[in-house]
Protein backbone atom coordinates (compact mmCIF):
# COMPACT_ATOMS: atom_id res chain seq x y z
CA MET A 1 -8.61 -11.85 18.16
CA ARG A 2 -11.29 -9.34 19.09
CA LEU A 3 -12.46 -7.40 16.06
CA CYS A 4 -15.51 -5.53 17.37
CA THR A 5 -13.50 -2.80 19.03
CA LYS A 6 -13.25 0.94 18.70
CA HIS A 7 -9.94 0.42 16.92
CA LEU A 8 -11.75 -1.35 14.10
CA VAL A 9 -14.32 1.47 13.85
CA TYR A 10 -11.47 3.99 13.59
CA ALA A 11 -9.82 1.79 10.95
CA LEU A 12 -13.00 1.67 8.86
CA ILE A 13 -13.08 5.48 8.80
CA VAL A 14 -9.46 5.55 7.65
CA CYS A 15 -10.33 2.94 4.99
CA LEU A 16 -12.45 5.50 3.16
CA ALA A 17 -9.10 6.91 1.94
CA PRO A 18 -8.01 3.74 0.07
CA LEU A 19 -11.61 3.38 -1.12
CA ASN A 20 -11.29 6.83 -2.70
CA PHE A 21 -7.86 5.87 -4.05
CA GLY A 22 -9.39 2.74 -5.62
CA PHE A 23 -12.20 4.70 -7.27
CA ILE A 24 -9.72 7.12 -8.83
CA SER A 25 -7.49 4.30 -10.08
CA VAL A 26 -10.20 2.12 -11.62
CA TYR A 27 -12.37 4.91 -13.05
CA PRO A 28 -11.09 4.48 -16.65
CA SER A 29 -12.02 0.78 -16.72
CA PRO A 30 -15.86 0.95 -16.55
CA THR A 31 -16.04 4.34 -18.30
CA GLY A 32 -13.41 3.74 -20.98
CA ALA A 33 -15.69 2.62 -23.82
CA GLU A 34 -18.00 5.62 -23.36
CA ILE A 35 -15.20 8.19 -23.10
CA ARG A 36 -13.28 6.78 -26.07
CA LYS A 37 -16.41 6.81 -28.21
CA LEU A 38 -17.09 10.41 -27.21
CA HIS A 39 -13.63 11.52 -28.41
CA ASN A 40 -13.11 8.97 -31.23
CA LEU A 41 -10.18 7.22 -29.55
CA SER A 42 -8.99 3.62 -29.75
CA ASP A 43 -8.05 1.58 -26.69
CA THR A 44 -4.37 1.71 -27.78
CA SER A 45 -4.24 5.40 -28.67
CA MET A 46 -1.60 7.53 -26.97
CA GLU A 47 -4.22 9.96 -25.60
CA TRP A 48 -6.11 7.16 -23.90
CA SER A 49 -2.91 5.62 -22.53
CA PHE A 50 -1.99 8.98 -21.03
CA TYR A 51 -5.50 9.47 -19.63
CA ASN A 52 -5.11 6.09 -17.96
CA GLY A 53 -1.57 6.55 -16.71
CA VAL A 54 -1.19 10.24 -15.85
CA MET A 55 -2.68 9.63 -12.42
CA SER A 56 0.13 7.19 -11.58
CA LEU A 57 2.76 9.63 -12.82
CA THR A 58 1.60 12.53 -10.62
CA ALA A 59 0.89 10.17 -7.69
CA ALA A 60 4.66 9.92 -7.29
CA PHE A 61 4.55 13.50 -5.94
CA GLY A 62 1.87 12.65 -3.36
CA PRO A 63 4.30 11.66 -0.56
CA LEU A 64 6.02 15.05 -0.93
CA LEU A 65 2.65 16.72 -0.35
CA ASN A 66 2.24 14.57 2.75
CA GLU A 67 5.55 15.74 4.19
CA LEU A 68 4.58 19.37 3.56
CA LEU A 69 1.21 18.88 5.27
CA PHE A 70 2.85 17.07 8.18
CA LYS A 71 5.03 20.11 8.77
CA ILE A 72 2.08 22.50 8.48
CA PHE A 73 -0.14 20.46 10.83
CA LYS A 74 2.68 19.33 13.13
CA HIS A 75 2.30 15.65 12.22
CA SER A 76 -1.43 15.56 12.92
CA ARG A 77 -2.57 12.51 10.93
CA LYS A 78 -6.26 13.34 10.88
CA LYS A 79 -5.77 16.97 9.85
CA VAL A 80 -3.65 15.82 6.93
CA LEU A 81 -6.22 13.17 6.03
CA PHE A 82 -9.04 15.73 6.19
CA THR A 83 -7.16 18.13 3.90
CA LEU A 84 -6.38 15.44 1.34
CA SER A 85 -9.97 14.17 1.32
CA ALA A 86 -11.47 17.64 1.02
CA ILE A 87 -9.35 18.73 -1.94
CA SER A 88 -9.69 15.37 -3.71
CA ALA A 89 -13.49 15.64 -3.39
CA VAL A 90 -13.41 19.00 -5.15
CA SER A 91 -11.01 17.70 -7.80
CA TRP A 92 -13.32 14.78 -8.58
CA PHE A 93 -15.88 17.18 -10.04
CA GLY A 94 -13.29 18.46 -12.52
CA ILE A 95 -13.44 15.06 -14.26
CA ILE A 96 -16.83 16.15 -15.63
CA LEU A 97 -14.89 18.44 -18.00
CA THR A 98 -13.83 15.30 -19.85
CA LYS A 99 -17.05 15.89 -21.80
CA LEU A 100 -15.49 19.00 -23.36
CA SER A 101 -12.03 17.62 -24.04
CA ILE A 102 -10.03 14.53 -23.16
CA TRP A 103 -7.19 16.88 -22.19
CA TYR A 104 -9.30 18.59 -19.53
CA GLY A 105 -9.98 15.17 -18.11
CA MET A 106 -6.25 14.42 -18.13
CA ILE A 107 -5.52 17.58 -16.16
CA PHE A 108 -7.93 16.69 -13.36
CA ARG A 109 -6.82 13.04 -13.44
CA ALA A 110 -3.30 14.38 -12.91
CA ILE A 111 -4.46 16.52 -9.96
CA LEU A 112 -6.31 13.59 -8.43
CA GLY A 113 -3.17 11.51 -8.90
CA VAL A 114 -1.25 13.70 -6.46
CA PHE A 115 -3.87 13.04 -3.81
CA VAL A 116 -3.92 9.32 -4.63
CA GLY A 117 -0.19 9.22 -3.96
CA ALA A 118 -0.62 11.08 -0.69
CA LEU A 119 -3.55 8.92 0.46
CA SER A 120 -1.78 5.69 -0.47
CA SER A 121 1.14 6.76 1.69
CA ILE A 122 -0.71 7.91 4.78
CA SER A 123 -3.60 5.44 5.10
CA PRO A 124 -1.52 2.22 5.57
CA MET A 125 0.65 4.07 8.07
CA ILE A 126 -2.36 5.18 10.16
CA LEU A 127 -3.87 1.68 10.02
CA VAL A 128 -0.64 0.13 11.35
CA GLU A 129 -0.46 2.77 14.09
CA LEU A 130 -4.10 2.18 15.07
CA ALA A 131 -3.67 -1.59 15.27
CA PRO A 132 -3.67 -3.23 18.70
CA PRO A 133 -0.52 -5.27 19.45
CA GLY A 134 -0.22 -8.48 17.44
CA ILE A 135 -2.73 -7.75 14.67
CA SER A 136 -1.05 -5.04 12.60
CA GLY A 137 -1.16 -7.43 9.63
CA PHE A 138 -4.95 -7.62 9.82
CA PHE A 139 -5.34 -3.86 10.11
CA GLY A 140 -2.80 -3.25 7.37
CA SER A 141 -4.66 -5.62 5.04
CA LEU A 142 -7.77 -3.47 5.35
CA ASN A 143 -6.03 -0.98 3.06
CA GLN A 144 -5.87 -3.43 0.15
CA LEU A 145 -9.35 -4.75 0.96
CA SER A 146 -10.77 -1.24 0.57
CA ILE A 147 -8.99 -0.77 -2.76
CA SER A 148 -10.35 -4.13 -3.99
CA ILE A 149 -13.89 -3.22 -2.92
CA ALA A 150 -13.59 0.07 -4.81
CA TYR A 151 -12.51 -1.77 -7.96
CA MET A 152 -15.42 -4.18 -7.63
CA ILE A 153 -18.07 -1.52 -6.92
CA LEU A 154 -17.18 0.77 -9.82
CA ASN A 155 -17.00 -2.09 -12.30
CA LEU A 156 -20.39 -3.41 -11.20
CA LEU A 157 -21.88 0.08 -11.47
CA GLY A 158 -20.39 0.60 -14.93
CA PRO A 159 -23.47 -0.54 -16.92
CA SER A 160 -25.83 1.52 -14.71
CA LEU A 161 -24.01 4.86 -14.41
CA ASN A 162 -22.45 6.97 -17.13
CA TYR A 163 -19.05 8.53 -16.61
CA ILE A 164 -20.53 11.77 -15.19
CA ASN A 165 -22.87 10.11 -12.68
CA MET A 166 -19.98 7.92 -11.58
CA VAL A 167 -18.07 11.08 -10.67
CA PHE A 168 -20.82 12.17 -8.26
CA PHE A 169 -20.92 8.72 -6.70
CA ALA A 170 -17.14 8.53 -6.26
CA ALA A 171 -16.87 12.07 -4.86
CA SER A 172 -19.26 11.14 -2.04
CA ILE A 173 -16.57 8.97 -0.41
CA PRO A 174 -14.01 11.70 0.38
CA ILE A 175 -16.88 13.98 1.45
CA LEU A 176 -18.02 11.31 3.91
CA GLN A 177 -14.48 10.92 5.22
CA CYS A 178 -14.23 14.66 5.83
CA CYS A 179 -17.29 14.35 8.08
CA LEU A 180 -15.96 11.37 10.06
CA VAL A 181 -12.19 11.78 10.22
CA PHE A 182 -12.16 13.86 13.39
CA PHE A 183 -13.70 10.99 15.35
CA ILE A 184 -10.47 8.99 15.09
CA PRO A 185 -7.63 9.58 17.58
CA GLU A 186 -4.32 11.19 16.73
CA THR A 187 -2.03 8.19 16.35
CA CYS A 188 1.09 10.32 16.59
CA GLN A 189 0.03 11.32 20.11
CA SER A 190 -1.39 7.97 21.17
CA LEU A 191 1.89 6.06 20.86
CA HIS A 192 2.78 6.19 24.54
CA PRO A 193 5.13 3.25 25.01
CA PRO A 194 4.52 0.94 27.99
CA GLN A 195 7.10 0.87 30.78
CA GLU A 196 8.53 -2.38 29.43
CA GLU A 197 9.16 -0.82 26.02
CA LEU A 198 11.17 1.93 27.68
CA SER A 199 13.69 -0.72 28.67
CA LEU A 200 15.12 -0.63 25.16
CA ALA A 201 18.80 0.20 25.47
CA THR A 202 20.73 2.57 23.30
CA PHE A 203 23.38 1.14 21.02
CA SER A 204 26.96 2.04 20.34
CA GLU A 205 28.50 2.17 16.90
CA LYS A 206 29.33 -1.56 17.27
CA GLY A 207 25.76 -2.43 18.10
CA ASN A 208 26.48 -3.25 21.76
CA PRO A 209 24.21 -2.04 24.55
CA VAL A 210 25.54 1.05 26.25
CA ASN A 211 22.98 1.59 29.00
CA SER A 212 20.61 -1.00 30.37
CA PHE A 213 17.34 -0.41 32.11
CA ASN A 214 16.71 -1.49 35.66
CA ALA A 215 13.02 -1.84 36.40
CA ASN A 216 13.51 -1.14 40.09
CA ASN A 217 16.12 1.58 39.85
CA PRO A 218 16.22 3.01 36.33
CA SER A 219 19.16 5.22 35.53
CA PRO A 220 18.55 8.38 33.53
CA ASN A 221 19.25 8.16 29.83
CA PRO A 222 19.25 11.32 27.72
CA ASN A 223 18.16 9.36 24.67
CA ILE A 224 14.97 8.00 26.27
CA PRO A 225 12.10 10.43 26.75
CA ASP A 226 9.95 10.65 29.81
CA GLU A 227 7.35 7.87 29.96
CA ASN A 228 4.56 10.45 29.96
CA ALA A 229 5.88 12.29 26.93
CA SER A 230 4.31 11.68 23.56
CA ILE A 231 6.49 10.43 20.75
CA ASP A 232 6.34 12.96 17.97
CA ASP A 233 8.77 14.79 15.81
CA ASN A 234 9.54 17.25 18.62
CA SER A 235 10.37 14.65 21.25
CA SER A 236 13.50 14.94 23.38
CA VAL A 237 15.34 12.15 21.65
CA ASN A 238 19.01 12.98 21.13
CA ASP A 239 19.15 13.88 17.43
CA ASP A 240 22.92 13.34 17.26
CA PHE A 241 22.73 9.74 18.39
CA GLN A 242 23.32 7.33 15.52
CA PRO A 243 22.77 3.65 16.30
CA SER A 244 24.15 1.25 13.75
CA LEU A 245 22.92 -1.90 12.06
CA THR A 246 24.52 -5.15 13.24
CA ASP A 247 24.13 -8.83 12.57
CA GLY A 248 22.32 -10.62 15.35
CA SER A 249 23.46 -14.00 16.53
CA ASN A 250 20.52 -15.66 14.79
CA GLY A 251 21.24 -14.05 11.42
CA ALA A 252 18.62 -11.34 11.90
CA LEU A 253 19.27 -7.74 11.06
CA VAL A 254 19.06 -5.44 14.04
CA VAL A 255 17.01 -2.30 13.42
CA PRO A 256 17.49 0.76 15.68
CA ASN A 257 15.06 0.84 18.55
CA LEU A 258 11.92 2.95 18.52
CA LEU A 259 12.96 5.57 21.04
CA THR A 260 16.55 6.33 20.10
CA THR A 261 16.36 7.04 16.39
CA SER A 262 16.28 10.55 15.01
CA GLY A 263 13.97 11.71 12.27
CA ARG A 264 16.59 11.59 9.51
CA LEU A 265 15.93 8.87 6.93
CA CYS A 266 19.29 8.89 5.12
CA ARG A 267 21.15 6.74 7.61
CA ARG A 268 22.86 3.40 7.33
CA GLN A 269 20.44 1.54 9.60
CA ASN A 270 17.45 2.47 7.39
CA VAL A 271 18.95 1.05 4.17
CA PRO A 272 17.72 -2.58 4.56
CA GLY A 273 14.12 -1.48 5.10
CA ILE A 274 14.19 0.94 2.16
CA VAL A 275 15.74 -1.63 -0.20
CA MET A 276 13.19 -4.23 0.92
CA GLY A 277 10.34 -1.76 0.38
CA LEU A 278 11.52 -0.81 -3.12
CA PHE A 279 11.77 -4.45 -4.18
CA LEU A 280 8.28 -5.21 -2.83
CA MET A 281 6.76 -2.22 -4.61
CA PHE A 282 8.50 -3.11 -7.88
CA PHE A 283 7.24 -6.70 -7.82
CA GLN A 284 3.73 -5.57 -6.88
CA GLN A 285 3.35 -3.31 -9.92
CA PHE A 286 5.30 -5.36 -12.46
CA SER A 287 3.20 -8.42 -11.69
CA GLY A 288 0.87 -6.68 -14.18
CA ILE A 289 -1.85 -5.59 -11.76
CA SER A 290 -2.10 -2.04 -13.14
CA ALA A 291 -2.54 -3.36 -16.67
CA PHE A 292 -5.32 -5.63 -15.42
CA VAL A 293 -7.13 -3.01 -13.34
CA THR A 294 -7.24 -0.19 -15.87
CA ASN A 295 -8.03 -2.42 -18.85
CA LEU A 296 -10.03 -5.21 -17.20
CA SER A 297 -13.39 -4.30 -18.72
CA ASP A 298 -11.88 -4.18 -22.22
CA MET A 299 -10.06 -7.49 -21.66
CA MET A 300 -13.28 -9.18 -20.56
CA ALA A 301 -15.08 -7.79 -23.61
CA GLN A 302 -12.57 -9.65 -25.78
CA THR A 303 -13.60 -13.02 -24.32
CA GLY A 304 -16.88 -13.00 -26.26
CA ILE A 305 -18.98 -14.03 -23.25
CA ASN A 306 -22.53 -12.71 -23.58
CA ILE A 307 -22.46 -10.73 -20.33
CA HIS A 308 -21.62 -7.05 -19.97
CA SER A 309 -17.85 -6.82 -19.62
CA SER A 310 -18.09 -4.51 -16.58
CA TYR A 311 -20.17 -7.11 -14.73
CA ILE A 312 -17.56 -9.76 -15.50
CA ALA A 313 -14.81 -7.39 -14.33
CA GLY A 314 -16.70 -6.68 -11.10
CA ILE A 315 -17.22 -10.38 -10.42
CA VAL A 316 -13.55 -11.07 -11.07
CA GLN A 317 -12.60 -8.31 -8.63
CA CYS A 318 -14.65 -10.09 -5.96
CA SER A 319 -11.92 -12.73 -5.85
CA GLN A 320 -9.37 -10.19 -4.62
CA CYS A 321 -11.77 -9.05 -1.87
CA ILE A 322 -12.24 -12.66 -0.74
CA ALA A 323 -8.49 -13.26 -0.81
CA VAL A 324 -7.65 -10.15 1.21
CA ILE A 325 -10.26 -11.04 3.85
CA PHE A 326 -8.82 -14.55 4.08
CA SER A 327 -5.22 -13.32 4.13
CA SER A 328 -5.90 -10.67 6.78
CA THR A 329 -7.00 -13.34 9.26
CA ILE A 330 -3.87 -15.49 8.87
CA VAL A 331 -1.03 -13.14 7.92
CA ASP A 332 -0.18 -12.40 11.56
CA LYS A 333 -0.06 -16.15 12.28
CA ILE A 334 1.88 -17.51 9.30
CA GLY A 335 4.03 -14.43 8.67
CA ARG A 336 4.41 -12.03 5.77
CA ARG A 337 7.03 -14.12 3.98
CA LEU A 338 4.94 -17.28 3.62
CA SER A 339 1.94 -15.24 2.46
CA TRP A 340 4.15 -13.61 -0.17
CA ILE A 341 5.45 -16.96 -1.45
CA VAL A 342 1.98 -18.50 -1.76
CA SER A 343 0.76 -15.37 -3.54
CA CYS A 344 3.61 -15.43 -6.06
CA ILE A 345 3.10 -19.12 -6.86
CA GLY A 346 -0.59 -18.52 -7.59
CA CYS A 347 0.07 -15.44 -9.72
CA VAL A 348 2.65 -17.27 -11.84
CA ILE A 349 0.21 -20.13 -12.47
CA ALA A 350 -2.66 -17.74 -13.34
CA LEU A 351 -0.53 -15.66 -15.74
CA LEU A 352 0.79 -18.82 -17.40
CA LEU A 353 -2.76 -20.10 -17.85
CA TYR A 354 -3.89 -16.78 -19.37
CA SER A 355 -0.93 -16.72 -21.76
CA LEU A 356 -1.31 -20.34 -22.88
CA ASP A 357 -5.01 -19.83 -23.59
CA GLY A 358 -4.04 -16.86 -25.75
CA LEU A 359 -1.75 -19.16 -27.73
CA TYR A 360 -4.07 -22.15 -28.10
CA ASN A 361 -7.58 -20.64 -27.71
CA TRP A 362 -8.80 -23.40 -25.41
CA SER A 363 -11.98 -21.69 -24.22
CA LYS A 364 -13.51 -18.25 -23.92
CA TYR A 365 -13.97 -18.90 -20.20
CA ILE A 366 -10.28 -19.63 -19.48
CA PRO A 367 -9.27 -15.91 -19.46
CA VAL A 368 -11.98 -15.18 -16.90
CA VAL A 369 -10.82 -18.07 -14.71
CA ALA A 370 -7.18 -17.03 -15.09
CA VAL A 371 -7.84 -13.40 -14.16
CA PHE A 372 -10.02 -14.56 -11.24
CA LEU A 373 -7.14 -16.71 -9.96
CA PHE A 374 -4.63 -13.91 -10.51
CA GLU A 375 -6.74 -11.42 -8.56
CA PHE A 376 -7.27 -13.97 -5.77
CA PHE A 377 -3.60 -14.81 -5.29
CA PHE A 378 -2.60 -11.17 -5.72
CA GLY A 379 -4.91 -10.35 -2.82
CA ILE A 380 -3.23 -12.93 -0.58
CA GLY A 381 0.19 -11.33 -0.52
CA ILE A 382 1.59 -9.27 -3.38
CA GLY A 383 -1.28 -6.78 -3.12
CA PRO A 384 -1.65 -5.98 0.59
CA ILE A 385 1.76 -6.78 2.08
CA PRO A 386 3.91 -3.99 0.54
CA TRP A 387 1.49 -1.31 1.75
CA PHE A 388 1.61 -2.19 5.44
CA ILE A 389 4.95 -3.96 5.91
CA ILE A 390 6.98 -0.86 5.03
CA PRO A 391 5.72 1.17 8.04
CA GLU A 392 6.50 -1.91 10.18
CA TYR A 393 10.16 -1.84 9.09
CA PHE A 394 10.77 1.67 10.40
CA THR A 395 10.72 3.56 13.64
CA PHE A 396 8.03 6.13 14.27
CA LYS A 397 10.14 9.19 13.52
CA VAL A 398 11.15 8.11 9.99
CA ARG A 399 8.08 6.04 9.14
CA SER A 400 6.30 8.69 7.06
CA LYS A 401 9.46 9.55 5.11
CA ALA A 402 10.30 5.90 4.40
CA SER A 403 6.74 5.13 3.34
CA GLY A 404 6.80 8.20 1.10
CA VAL A 405 9.95 7.08 -0.71
CA CYS A 406 8.60 3.58 -1.36
CA VAL A 407 5.12 4.79 -2.36
CA CYS A 408 6.66 7.30 -4.76
CA PHE A 409 8.61 4.47 -6.41
CA ASN A 410 5.45 2.34 -6.51
CA TRP A 411 3.58 4.97 -8.50
CA ILE A 412 6.46 5.45 -10.93
CA CYS A 413 6.33 1.69 -11.57
CA SER A 414 2.55 1.83 -11.93
CA PHE A 415 2.76 4.62 -14.50
CA THR A 416 5.41 2.70 -16.42
CA VAL A 417 3.24 -0.44 -16.59
CA ILE A 418 0.08 1.45 -17.62
CA PHE A 419 1.85 3.58 -20.21
CA ILE A 420 3.86 0.78 -21.86
CA TRP A 421 0.95 -1.69 -21.84
CA PRO A 422 -0.53 -0.60 -25.20
CA VAL A 423 2.99 -0.43 -26.64
CA MET A 424 3.68 -3.98 -25.50
CA VAL A 425 0.36 -5.24 -26.89
CA SER A 426 0.91 -3.63 -30.28
CA SER A 427 4.57 -4.67 -30.57
CA ILE A 428 4.86 -8.14 -29.01
CA GLY A 429 1.19 -9.06 -28.54
CA GLN A 430 -0.90 -9.51 -25.40
CA VAL A 431 0.22 -13.12 -24.90
CA ASN A 432 3.93 -12.26 -24.81
CA ALA A 433 3.19 -9.23 -22.64
CA PHE A 434 1.71 -11.51 -19.99
CA PHE A 435 4.67 -13.86 -20.34
CA VAL A 436 6.83 -10.88 -19.34
CA PHE A 437 4.67 -10.23 -16.25
CA MET A 438 4.75 -13.96 -15.43
CA SER A 439 8.56 -13.93 -15.53
CA ILE A 440 8.69 -10.98 -13.14
CA SER A 441 6.25 -12.74 -10.80
CA ALA A 442 8.54 -15.78 -10.89
CA ALA A 443 11.42 -13.48 -9.89
CA ALA A 444 9.24 -12.20 -7.04
CA LEU A 445 8.83 -15.83 -5.92
CA LEU A 446 12.61 -16.30 -5.82
CA PHE A 447 12.86 -13.06 -3.88
CA GLY A 448 10.36 -14.48 -1.41
CA PHE A 449 12.56 -17.51 -0.80
CA PHE A 450 15.93 -15.79 -0.62
CA GLY A 451 15.43 -12.08 0.02
CA PHE A 452 12.19 -11.45 1.92
CA ARG A 453 12.47 -10.50 5.59
CA ASN A 454 9.68 -10.61 8.16
CA PRO A 455 9.57 -7.66 10.58
CA VAL A 456 9.75 -8.95 14.14
CA PRO A 457 8.25 -6.95 17.03
CA PRO A 458 10.38 -6.46 20.13
CA GLU A 459 10.00 -8.99 22.88
CA ILE A 460 8.82 -7.76 26.26
CA PRO A 461 11.40 -8.45 28.96
CA SER A 462 10.44 -10.53 31.94
CA GLU A 463 10.57 -9.01 35.40
CA ARG A 464 13.63 -11.05 36.27
CA SER A 465 15.72 -10.08 33.27
CA SER A 466 14.60 -6.51 32.68
CA SER A 467 17.64 -5.16 34.50
CA SER A 468 20.07 -6.29 31.82
CA MET A 469 18.14 -6.93 28.63
CA SER A 470 18.15 -4.74 25.54
CA ILE A 471 15.48 -5.47 22.97
CA PRO A 472 16.08 -4.35 19.39
CA LEU A 473 13.55 -4.43 16.62
CA THR A 474 14.64 -7.00 14.07
CA VAL A 475 14.02 -7.89 10.48
CA ASP A 476 13.85 -11.66 10.60
CA ASN A 477 15.96 -13.80 8.35
CA ILE A 478 13.50 -16.69 8.04
């Protein structure tokens, strides 16, 4: 696998978006003690919970902003990315008003949340579209790696920068992306399918091939665009054609092919991918990751270790970076499903260890080890996979809409976890709260065994069989 390519350079520019997203998300963790002291708040006060969680609530509206910008810029990915980065950079400076009132800070956290939702929807999609064939898992994992690096950097800088200086540092990332984004290609115009991919046949309502492609004497098909035409929302695909979902002979679910699906999301054949995406996003957030990320510095302070809690939090976050790097190199080889299962097993063990130490007080170092393990195994599968597998489930014309729906649901779940965390701690205690997250992670493990589906790329027909072969995209049943 060649990594030193222009595609990787383009991907690194795109990764400034999830880096910005990570900075916005984790900002309350290293700055929390200072801000709460400034406004005489406790770590379980309703104002602080809302300051933490309001970003996740408004992030649910981010995908809607994406769709609006896609229409304005005619699906230009980099123009949308430039706009989001530019406005988020300006909004970052509004966080400085937290000095005057916690409510001013909430307002600008809410504004930034909209752009977080938009960035978290568009960046994984662009990374998957930029990826050379066969390594979309690696490129997709770069999204979670960038988020993890952002968490680590801001926590490590916590003891050195106050909450205002941290704003200037964080705002430099979207400004840098604004300067570099126009060097990347337009992925919506670069998806020119090879001649072999044009051999995909259209399907009837029963899922049977209607027209086949002959490599030597291809017959015209109104549902297949010219090979030199770009695939965008204005392509000549027949918008009235409605392929259906059928059961393949090997138990796989047949997904409509790339070139014959219209841009409408609310169709029967898109249901399996949407349901899968919603389950993955639910399990990702209710594993407890948002509670960890936004309260990690405070949780490490409770251990009693004589090291600044932000340093401990930053070191713990390193484990997720290591895990994502490791996972990105193997996920395309072992498959998304196996990565998910291994990740869930590790998260269940780590959460169980953290909860049992809370019950029996074994050692002040056990919580650090448990969180380190949780972050590591989260980074193997539960963290990165939902972000990039959802665009892989869908055809190009509905990909942004499908990703938007699932990302919107993800942020609603994130807000729920962040907002109810202090309520759970005060009512049932931190130990029982993590038992709840452990139970949900165990459910995610069962889902991995019995419900998870790997997306399978279409096979390329051989020269001998290209005259009669139709190649659907499938969602594997293994």
